[in-house]
Structure formats: C-alpha cells, structure tokens
C-alpha cells in the first residue's frame, strides 16, 4: 500500500519524513522542474477503519484536539514515543498531545506534521498475542452490537 501526501512545501515534507523520522528514500520517477516525488519506506502498513465515535474517543485518550469532519492521520509505530516527539520537536513540529499511556497498552503522542497532517507516534507495550487474550480485544465480527 502507498499513501500519497500532496504538499505545497515539498522540501519541508521531505526533510520531515526522510530526515527527521528516518524513512529511507527509494528511487522514484519524475520528469523535471516542479514535478517532484519521493517514495519513502515506512515499513509495513495497515489500514485502520474507525467510526467518528472511535476517533473522538482516541482523541480524548491521547489528550489531542479533535478535528472537524472526517480526517486522515498518519500513525507510526516507534520504539520510543518520547524520543520521536523530541525529534519532531527539534524539527519544529508542534506537539498536539504529549506521550500518554493508553488503556490498550501503548504509549501515544501526536504532533502536527507538514501539509496539514497529524502524526500519531505509538509505542507498543505488548505483543498482538498478549493483547488478543485481554478483554475488549476482538475482531469486528466477534464484537457485540
């Protein structure tokens, strides 16, 4: 899967994702002039589908501001949430929500990235196997309605 972020400040976005967050750049085709593209390896991707209620609940858990209307947010798994926030802060990214330990055993924080994207850093504190044994963790098909 590839997530495409259109940005008016390509240099700022490239510096943030490649140089600050450390995503390796791979070869990509573009023509010349203002036709610029960078493909950055962000590791394995997942798609998280969420209702507005769930998104607002996560905003509250992370002590993060709630955006108006449907949004896209990038969530990046990191080894150390506080270090990721500090690195983004050195770049100049505004912290929207400080590192917070969540009930689902992650440490999450949110910053304002370039091109209007919010970025959540999350640090897993347990494995998927451990999580699957705890109450409340199930697939949508098995969740009571």
N, C-alpha and C. Protein backbone atom coordinates (compact mmCIF):
# COMPACT_ATOMS: atom_id res chain seq x y z
N UNK A 1 0.84 -1.17 0.00
CA UNK A 1 0.00 0.00 0.00
C UNK A 1 0.88 1.23 0.00
N UNK A 2 0.44 2.26 -0.67
CA UNK A 2 1.17 3.53 -0.68
C UNK A 2 0.20 4.65 -0.35
N UNK A 3 0.56 5.46 0.62
CA UNK A 3 -0.19 6.64 0.99
C UNK A 3 0.45 7.82 0.30
N UNK A 4 -0.32 8.61 -0.44
CA UNK A 4 0.22 9.73 -1.20
C UNK A 4 -0.17 11.02 -0.50
N UNK A 5 0.83 11.82 -0.14
CA UNK A 5 0.60 13.09 0.53
C UNK A 5 0.97 14.21 -0.45
N UNK A 6 -0.03 14.94 -0.91
CA UNK A 6 0.24 16.09 -1.76
C UNK A 6 0.59 17.27 -0.86
N UNK A 7 1.69 17.96 -1.17
CA UNK A 7 2.14 19.05 -0.32
C UNK A 7 2.58 20.25 -1.15
N UNK A 8 2.32 21.42 -0.64
CA UNK A 8 2.77 22.65 -1.28
C UNK A 8 4.22 22.96 -0.95
N UNK A 9 4.74 22.37 0.14
CA UNK A 9 6.14 22.58 0.53
C UNK A 9 6.86 21.24 0.55
N UNK A 10 7.25 20.81 -0.65
CA UNK A 10 7.87 19.50 -0.83
C UNK A 10 9.13 19.37 0.02
N UNK A 11 9.99 20.39 0.00
CA UNK A 11 11.25 20.31 0.74
C UNK A 11 11.01 20.12 2.23
N UNK A 12 10.05 20.84 2.80
CA UNK A 12 9.74 20.71 4.23
C UNK A 12 9.23 19.30 4.54
N UNK A 13 8.31 18.80 3.73
CA UNK A 13 7.75 17.47 3.96
C UNK A 13 8.83 16.40 3.81
N UNK A 14 9.67 16.52 2.79
CA UNK A 14 10.74 15.53 2.58
C UNK A 14 11.71 15.53 3.76
N UNK A 15 12.09 16.71 4.20
CA UNK A 15 13.01 16.78 5.33
C UNK A 15 12.40 16.15 6.57
N UNK A 16 11.12 16.40 6.82
CA UNK A 16 10.46 15.84 8.00
C UNK A 16 10.40 14.32 7.94
N UNK A 17 9.83 13.77 6.88
CA UNK A 17 9.62 12.32 6.81
C UNK A 17 10.92 11.55 6.58
N UNK A 18 11.79 12.05 5.73
CA UNK A 18 13.04 11.34 5.43
C UNK A 18 14.10 11.60 6.49
N UNK A 19 14.35 12.88 6.79
CA UNK A 19 15.49 13.22 7.63
C UNK A 19 15.16 13.20 9.12
N UNK A 20 13.98 13.66 9.50
CA UNK A 20 13.62 13.70 10.91
C UNK A 20 13.10 12.35 11.37
N UNK A 21 12.14 11.77 10.62
CA UNK A 21 11.56 10.49 11.03
C UNK A 21 12.38 9.29 10.55
N UNK A 22 13.33 9.51 9.65
CA UNK A 22 14.26 8.44 9.25
C UNK A 22 13.71 7.43 8.26
N UNK A 23 12.75 7.82 7.44
CA UNK A 23 12.21 6.89 6.44
C UNK A 23 13.13 6.88 5.23
N UNK A 24 13.72 5.74 4.90
CA UNK A 24 14.64 5.68 3.75
C UNK A 24 13.93 5.98 2.44
N UNK A 25 14.62 6.75 1.59
CA UNK A 25 14.06 7.11 0.29
C UNK A 25 14.48 6.06 -0.73
N UNK A 26 13.54 5.71 -1.60
CA UNK A 26 13.85 4.77 -2.67
C UNK A 26 13.67 5.48 -4.01
N UNK A 27 14.27 4.96 -5.08
CA UNK A 27 14.16 5.62 -6.39
C UNK A 27 12.71 5.78 -6.82
N UNK A 28 12.41 6.92 -7.43
CA UNK A 28 11.07 7.21 -7.93
C UNK A 28 11.20 8.02 -9.21
N UNK A 29 10.22 7.89 -10.10
CA UNK A 29 10.28 8.57 -11.38
C UNK A 29 9.55 9.90 -11.32
N UNK A 30 10.17 10.94 -11.84
CA UNK A 30 9.54 12.24 -12.06
C UNK A 30 10.20 12.84 -13.29
N UNK A 31 9.58 13.84 -13.88
CA UNK A 31 10.15 14.43 -15.09
C UNK A 31 11.16 15.49 -14.72
N UNK A 32 10.78 16.75 -14.73
CA UNK A 32 11.72 17.82 -14.39
C UNK A 32 10.97 19.01 -13.83
N UNK A 33 11.70 20.02 -13.39
CA UNK A 33 11.08 21.22 -12.84
C UNK A 33 10.35 20.94 -11.54
N UNK A 34 9.10 21.35 -11.47
CA UNK A 34 8.30 21.20 -10.25
C UNK A 34 7.66 19.82 -10.13
N UNK A 35 7.91 18.92 -11.05
CA UNK A 35 7.42 17.54 -10.97
C UNK A 35 8.36 16.78 -10.04
N UNK A 36 8.02 16.74 -8.76
CA UNK A 36 8.89 16.10 -7.75
C UNK A 36 8.10 15.06 -6.98
N UNK A 37 8.77 13.99 -6.66
CA UNK A 37 8.17 12.91 -5.88
C UNK A 37 9.28 12.22 -5.09
N UNK A 38 8.95 11.77 -3.92
CA UNK A 38 9.86 10.94 -3.12
C UNK A 38 9.04 9.79 -2.56
N UNK A 39 9.52 8.59 -2.74
CA UNK A 39 8.87 7.41 -2.16
C UNK A 39 9.72 6.99 -0.97
N UNK A 40 9.09 7.01 0.19
CA UNK A 40 9.79 6.74 1.44
C UNK A 40 9.27 5.43 2.04
N UNK A 41 10.18 4.60 2.50
CA UNK A 41 9.80 3.32 3.08
C UNK A 41 9.36 3.54 4.52
N UNK A 42 8.08 3.29 4.76
CA UNK A 42 7.52 3.44 6.10
C UNK A 42 7.29 2.09 6.76
N UNK A 43 7.87 1.04 6.22
CA UNK A 43 7.66 -0.29 6.80
C UNK A 43 6.33 -0.86 6.38
N UNK A 44 5.84 -1.80 7.14
CA UNK A 44 4.57 -2.45 6.85
C UNK A 44 3.42 -1.49 7.16
N UNK A 45 2.41 -1.48 6.32
CA UNK A 45 1.27 -0.59 6.52
C UNK A 45 0.03 -1.39 6.87
N UNK A 46 -0.84 -0.78 7.66
CA UNK A 46 -2.17 -1.31 7.91
C UNK A 46 -3.16 -0.18 7.66
N UNK A 47 -4.40 -0.52 7.45
CA UNK A 47 -5.46 0.47 7.33
C UNK A 47 -6.34 0.33 8.56
N UNK A 48 -6.54 1.42 9.25
CA UNK A 48 -7.40 1.43 10.42
C UNK A 48 -8.69 2.15 10.04
N UNK A 49 -9.79 1.41 10.01
CA UNK A 49 -11.10 2.00 9.75
C UNK A 49 -11.73 2.30 11.10
N UNK A 50 -12.29 3.48 11.26
CA UNK A 50 -12.84 3.86 12.56
C UNK A 50 -14.06 4.75 12.38
N UNK A 51 -15.03 4.58 13.26
CA UNK A 51 -16.18 5.47 13.26
C UNK A 51 -15.77 6.79 13.89
N UNK A 52 -16.59 7.83 13.67
CA UNK A 52 -16.32 9.13 14.28
C UNK A 52 -16.28 9.01 15.80
N UNK A 53 -17.13 8.18 16.38
CA UNK A 53 -17.14 7.99 17.83
C UNK A 53 -15.81 7.44 18.31
N UNK A 54 -15.28 6.44 17.59
CA UNK A 54 -13.99 5.87 17.98
C UNK A 54 -12.88 6.91 17.87
N UNK A 55 -12.87 7.66 16.78
CA UNK A 55 -11.84 8.69 16.59
C UNK A 55 -11.88 9.69 17.73
N UNK A 56 -13.08 10.14 18.11
CA UNK A 56 -13.20 11.11 19.22
C UNK A 56 -12.74 10.48 20.54
N UNK A 57 -13.03 9.19 20.73
CA UNK A 57 -12.55 8.50 21.95
C UNK A 57 -11.03 8.45 21.99
N UNK A 58 -10.40 8.19 20.86
CA UNK A 58 -8.94 8.16 20.81
C UNK A 58 -8.39 9.57 21.05
N UNK A 59 -9.01 10.58 20.44
CA UNK A 59 -8.58 11.96 20.70
C UNK A 59 -8.60 12.24 22.19
N UNK A 60 -9.65 11.82 22.87
CA UNK A 60 -9.77 12.06 24.31
C UNK A 60 -8.71 11.28 25.09
N UNK A 61 -8.48 10.02 24.73
CA UNK A 61 -7.46 9.22 25.42
C UNK A 61 -6.06 9.80 25.25
N UNK A 62 -5.80 10.37 24.07
CA UNK A 62 -4.48 10.94 23.79
C UNK A 62 -4.37 12.40 24.22
N UNK A 63 -5.46 12.95 24.76
CA UNK A 63 -5.48 14.37 25.11
C UNK A 63 -5.13 15.24 23.90
N UNK A 64 -5.67 14.86 22.74
CA UNK A 64 -5.37 15.54 21.48
C UNK A 64 -6.59 16.34 21.02
N UNK A 65 -6.37 17.40 20.27
CA UNK A 65 -7.51 18.18 19.76
C UNK A 65 -8.31 17.36 18.76
N UNK A 66 -9.59 17.62 18.72
CA UNK A 66 -10.49 16.94 17.79
C UNK A 66 -10.64 17.79 16.54
N UNK A 67 -10.40 17.18 15.40
CA UNK A 67 -10.56 17.89 14.12
C UNK A 67 -12.02 17.86 13.71
N UNK A 68 -12.42 18.83 12.93
CA UNK A 68 -13.78 18.87 12.41
C UNK A 68 -13.88 17.99 11.17
N UNK A 69 -14.90 17.16 11.11
CA UNK A 69 -15.15 16.34 9.93
C UNK A 69 -14.19 15.17 9.80
N UNK A 70 -14.38 14.35 8.77
CA UNK A 70 -13.51 13.20 8.54
C UNK A 70 -12.07 13.65 8.29
N UNK A 71 -11.14 12.93 8.84
CA UNK A 71 -9.73 13.27 8.67
C UNK A 71 -8.92 12.02 8.35
N UNK A 72 -7.74 12.24 7.86
CA UNK A 72 -6.74 11.20 7.73
C UNK A 72 -5.61 11.56 8.68
N UNK A 73 -5.08 10.59 9.38
CA UNK A 73 -3.96 10.83 10.29
C UNK A 73 -2.98 9.69 10.07
N UNK A 74 -1.73 10.02 10.10
CA UNK A 74 -0.69 9.00 9.98
C UNK A 74 -0.33 8.54 11.38
N UNK A 75 -0.31 7.23 11.59
CA UNK A 75 0.12 6.66 12.86
C UNK A 75 1.36 5.82 12.59
N UNK A 76 2.45 6.16 13.25
CA UNK A 76 3.73 5.49 13.03
C UNK A 76 4.17 4.78 14.30
N UNK A 77 4.46 3.48 14.18
CA UNK A 77 4.98 2.74 15.33
C UNK A 77 6.45 3.11 15.51
N UNK A 78 6.81 3.42 16.74
CA UNK A 78 8.18 3.80 17.07
C UNK A 78 8.65 2.98 18.27
N UNK A 79 9.95 2.93 18.47
CA UNK A 79 10.50 2.22 19.63
C UNK A 79 10.37 3.04 20.90
N UNK A 80 10.36 4.37 20.77
CA UNK A 80 10.32 5.26 21.93
C UNK A 80 9.52 6.50 21.56
N UNK A 81 8.30 6.58 22.06
CA UNK A 81 7.40 7.69 21.72
C UNK A 81 7.99 9.03 22.12
N UNK A 82 8.51 9.12 23.34
CA UNK A 82 9.04 10.41 23.80
C UNK A 82 10.21 10.87 22.95
N UNK A 83 11.06 9.94 22.53
CA UNK A 83 12.19 10.31 21.66
C UNK A 83 11.70 10.77 20.30
N UNK A 84 10.65 10.12 19.78
CA UNK A 84 10.10 10.53 18.47
C UNK A 84 9.51 11.93 18.56
N UNK A 85 8.81 12.24 19.64
CA UNK A 85 8.24 13.57 19.82
C UNK A 85 9.36 14.60 19.93
N UNK A 86 10.41 14.26 20.67
CA UNK A 86 11.54 15.18 20.82
C UNK A 86 12.20 15.45 19.47
N UNK A 87 12.38 14.41 18.68
CA UNK A 87 12.99 14.57 17.35
C UNK A 87 12.11 15.44 16.46
N UNK A 88 10.82 15.19 16.48
CA UNK A 88 9.90 16.01 15.68
C UNK A 88 9.90 17.46 16.18
N UNK A 89 10.02 17.64 17.49
CA UNK A 89 10.06 18.98 18.07
C UNK A 89 11.31 19.74 17.65
N UNK A 90 12.43 19.03 17.55
CA UNK A 90 13.66 19.68 17.08
C UNK A 90 13.49 20.17 15.64
N UNK A 91 12.70 19.47 14.88
CA UNK A 91 12.38 19.88 13.51
C UNK A 91 11.48 21.12 13.52
N UNK A 92 10.71 21.27 14.59
CA UNK A 92 9.79 22.39 14.69
C UNK A 92 8.34 21.98 14.71
N UNK A 93 8.08 20.67 14.72
CA UNK A 93 6.70 20.19 14.75
C UNK A 93 6.06 20.52 16.09
N UNK A 94 4.84 21.02 16.05
CA UNK A 94 4.10 21.34 17.26
C UNK A 94 3.56 20.06 17.89
N UNK A 95 3.75 19.90 19.19
CA UNK A 95 3.18 18.77 19.91
C UNK A 95 1.71 19.07 20.16
N UNK A 96 0.84 18.21 19.66
CA UNK A 96 -0.59 18.36 19.87
C UNK A 96 -1.06 17.61 21.10
N UNK A 97 -0.38 16.50 21.41
CA UNK A 97 -0.71 15.69 22.59
C UNK A 97 0.58 15.02 23.06
N UNK A 98 0.95 15.18 24.33
CA UNK A 98 2.18 14.59 24.83
C UNK A 98 2.05 13.07 24.95
N UNK A 99 3.16 12.41 25.18
CA UNK A 99 3.16 10.96 25.36
C UNK A 99 2.20 10.57 26.48
N UNK A 100 1.29 9.66 26.15
CA UNK A 100 0.25 9.22 27.08
C UNK A 100 0.15 7.71 27.02
N UNK A 101 0.17 7.09 28.18
CA UNK A 101 -0.03 5.64 28.24
C UNK A 101 -1.53 5.36 28.09
N UNK A 102 -1.90 4.51 27.13
CA UNK A 102 -3.31 4.25 26.85
C UNK A 102 -3.78 2.98 27.55
N UNK A 103 -5.10 2.82 27.68
CA UNK A 103 -5.63 1.59 28.27
C UNK A 103 -5.35 0.35 27.43
N UNK A 104 -5.06 0.54 26.13
CA UNK A 104 -4.75 -0.61 25.29
C UNK A 104 -3.25 -0.88 25.21
N UNK A 105 -2.54 -0.39 26.19
CA UNK A 105 -1.12 -0.68 26.42
C UNK A 105 -0.21 -0.25 25.26
N UNK A 106 -0.37 1.00 24.91
CA UNK A 106 0.56 1.68 24.01
C UNK A 106 0.89 3.02 24.65
N UNK A 107 1.98 3.62 24.19
CA UNK A 107 2.28 5.00 24.57
C UNK A 107 2.12 5.81 23.30
N UNK A 108 1.13 6.71 23.28
CA UNK A 108 0.80 7.50 22.09
C UNK A 108 1.09 8.97 22.33
N UNK A 109 1.47 9.66 21.26
CA UNK A 109 1.63 11.11 21.27
C UNK A 109 1.28 11.59 19.87
N UNK A 110 0.93 12.87 19.76
CA UNK A 110 0.55 13.39 18.45
C UNK A 110 1.25 14.71 18.19
N UNK A 111 1.73 14.88 16.94
CA UNK A 111 2.35 16.13 16.51
C UNK A 111 1.67 16.60 15.23
N UNK A 112 1.86 17.89 14.95
CA UNK A 112 1.37 18.45 13.69
C UNK A 112 2.49 18.33 12.67
N UNK A 113 2.29 17.55 11.64
CA UNK A 113 3.29 17.39 10.60
C UNK A 113 3.06 18.38 9.47
N UNK A 114 3.92 18.34 8.47
CA UNK A 114 3.75 19.23 7.33
C UNK A 114 2.53 18.86 6.50
N UNK A 115 2.09 19.78 5.69
CA UNK A 115 0.98 19.61 4.75
C UNK A 115 -0.34 19.33 5.46
N UNK A 116 -0.45 19.76 6.73
CA UNK A 116 -1.70 19.64 7.45
C UNK A 116 -1.99 18.28 8.06
N UNK A 117 -1.05 17.35 8.00
CA UNK A 117 -1.28 16.00 8.52
C UNK A 117 -0.90 15.93 9.99
N UNK A 118 -1.78 15.32 10.78
CA UNK A 118 -1.43 14.99 12.16
C UNK A 118 -0.75 13.63 12.16
N UNK A 119 0.27 13.50 13.00
CA UNK A 119 1.01 12.24 13.08
C UNK A 119 0.97 11.74 14.51
N UNK A 120 0.48 10.52 14.67
CA UNK A 120 0.49 9.86 15.97
C UNK A 120 1.69 8.93 16.02
N UNK A 121 2.49 9.06 17.04
CA UNK A 121 3.56 8.10 17.32
C UNK A 121 2.99 7.12 18.34
N UNK A 122 3.16 5.83 18.11
CA UNK A 122 2.70 4.86 19.09
C UNK A 122 3.79 3.82 19.35
N UNK A 123 3.95 3.51 20.61
CA UNK A 123 4.93 2.53 21.07
C UNK A 123 4.15 1.38 21.69
N UNK A 124 4.27 0.20 21.11
CA UNK A 124 3.57 -0.98 21.63
C UNK A 124 4.24 -1.46 22.91
N UNK A 125 3.44 -1.77 23.92
CA UNK A 125 3.97 -2.27 25.20
C UNK A 125 3.70 -3.76 25.39
N UNK A 126 3.01 -4.38 24.44
CA UNK A 126 2.78 -5.82 24.49
C UNK A 126 2.61 -6.34 23.07
N UNK A 127 2.68 -7.64 22.91
CA UNK A 127 2.55 -8.26 21.58
C UNK A 127 1.08 -8.41 21.22
N UNK A 128 0.82 -8.65 19.93
CA UNK A 128 -0.54 -8.93 19.48
C UNK A 128 -1.11 -10.17 20.17
N UNK A 129 -0.26 -11.15 20.39
CA UNK A 129 -0.70 -12.37 21.06
C UNK A 129 -1.15 -12.08 22.49
N UNK A 130 -0.39 -11.25 23.21
CA UNK A 130 -0.78 -10.87 24.57
C UNK A 130 -2.09 -10.08 24.54
N UNK A 131 -2.19 -9.17 23.63
CA UNK A 131 -3.37 -8.33 23.53
C UNK A 131 -4.62 -9.15 23.24
N UNK A 132 -4.50 -10.16 22.38
CA UNK A 132 -5.66 -10.98 21.98
C UNK A 132 -6.27 -11.73 23.16
N UNK A 133 -5.55 -11.90 24.25
CA UNK A 133 -6.07 -12.62 25.40
C UNK A 133 -6.80 -11.71 26.39
N UNK A 134 -6.75 -10.40 26.18
CA UNK A 134 -7.36 -9.46 27.13
C UNK A 134 -8.78 -9.09 26.72
N UNK A 135 -9.60 -8.79 27.73
CA UNK A 135 -10.98 -8.36 27.49
C UNK A 135 -11.02 -7.11 26.61
N UNK A 136 -12.00 -7.09 25.71
CA UNK A 136 -12.21 -5.92 24.86
C UNK A 136 -11.48 -5.98 23.53
N UNK A 137 -10.53 -6.89 23.39
CA UNK A 137 -9.77 -7.00 22.14
C UNK A 137 -10.32 -8.16 21.33
N UNK A 138 -10.92 -7.82 20.20
CA UNK A 138 -11.52 -8.82 19.33
C UNK A 138 -11.62 -8.24 17.93
N UNK A 139 -12.10 -9.02 17.00
CA UNK A 139 -12.36 -8.51 15.65
C UNK A 139 -13.79 -7.98 15.60
N UNK A 140 -14.09 -7.19 14.58
CA UNK A 140 -15.42 -6.59 14.48
C UNK A 140 -16.51 -7.64 14.39
N UNK A 141 -16.25 -8.75 13.68
CA UNK A 141 -17.26 -9.82 13.55
C UNK A 141 -17.64 -10.41 14.90
N UNK A 142 -16.70 -10.44 15.84
CA UNK A 142 -16.96 -11.05 17.15
C UNK A 142 -17.40 -10.02 18.21
N UNK A 143 -17.41 -8.76 17.85
CA UNK A 143 -17.77 -7.70 18.80
C UNK A 143 -19.27 -7.59 18.93
N UNK A 144 -19.80 -7.54 20.17
CA UNK A 144 -21.25 -7.39 20.32
C UNK A 144 -21.74 -6.06 19.77
N UNK A 145 -22.92 -6.03 19.22
CA UNK A 145 -23.50 -4.79 18.67
C UNK A 145 -24.74 -4.40 19.42
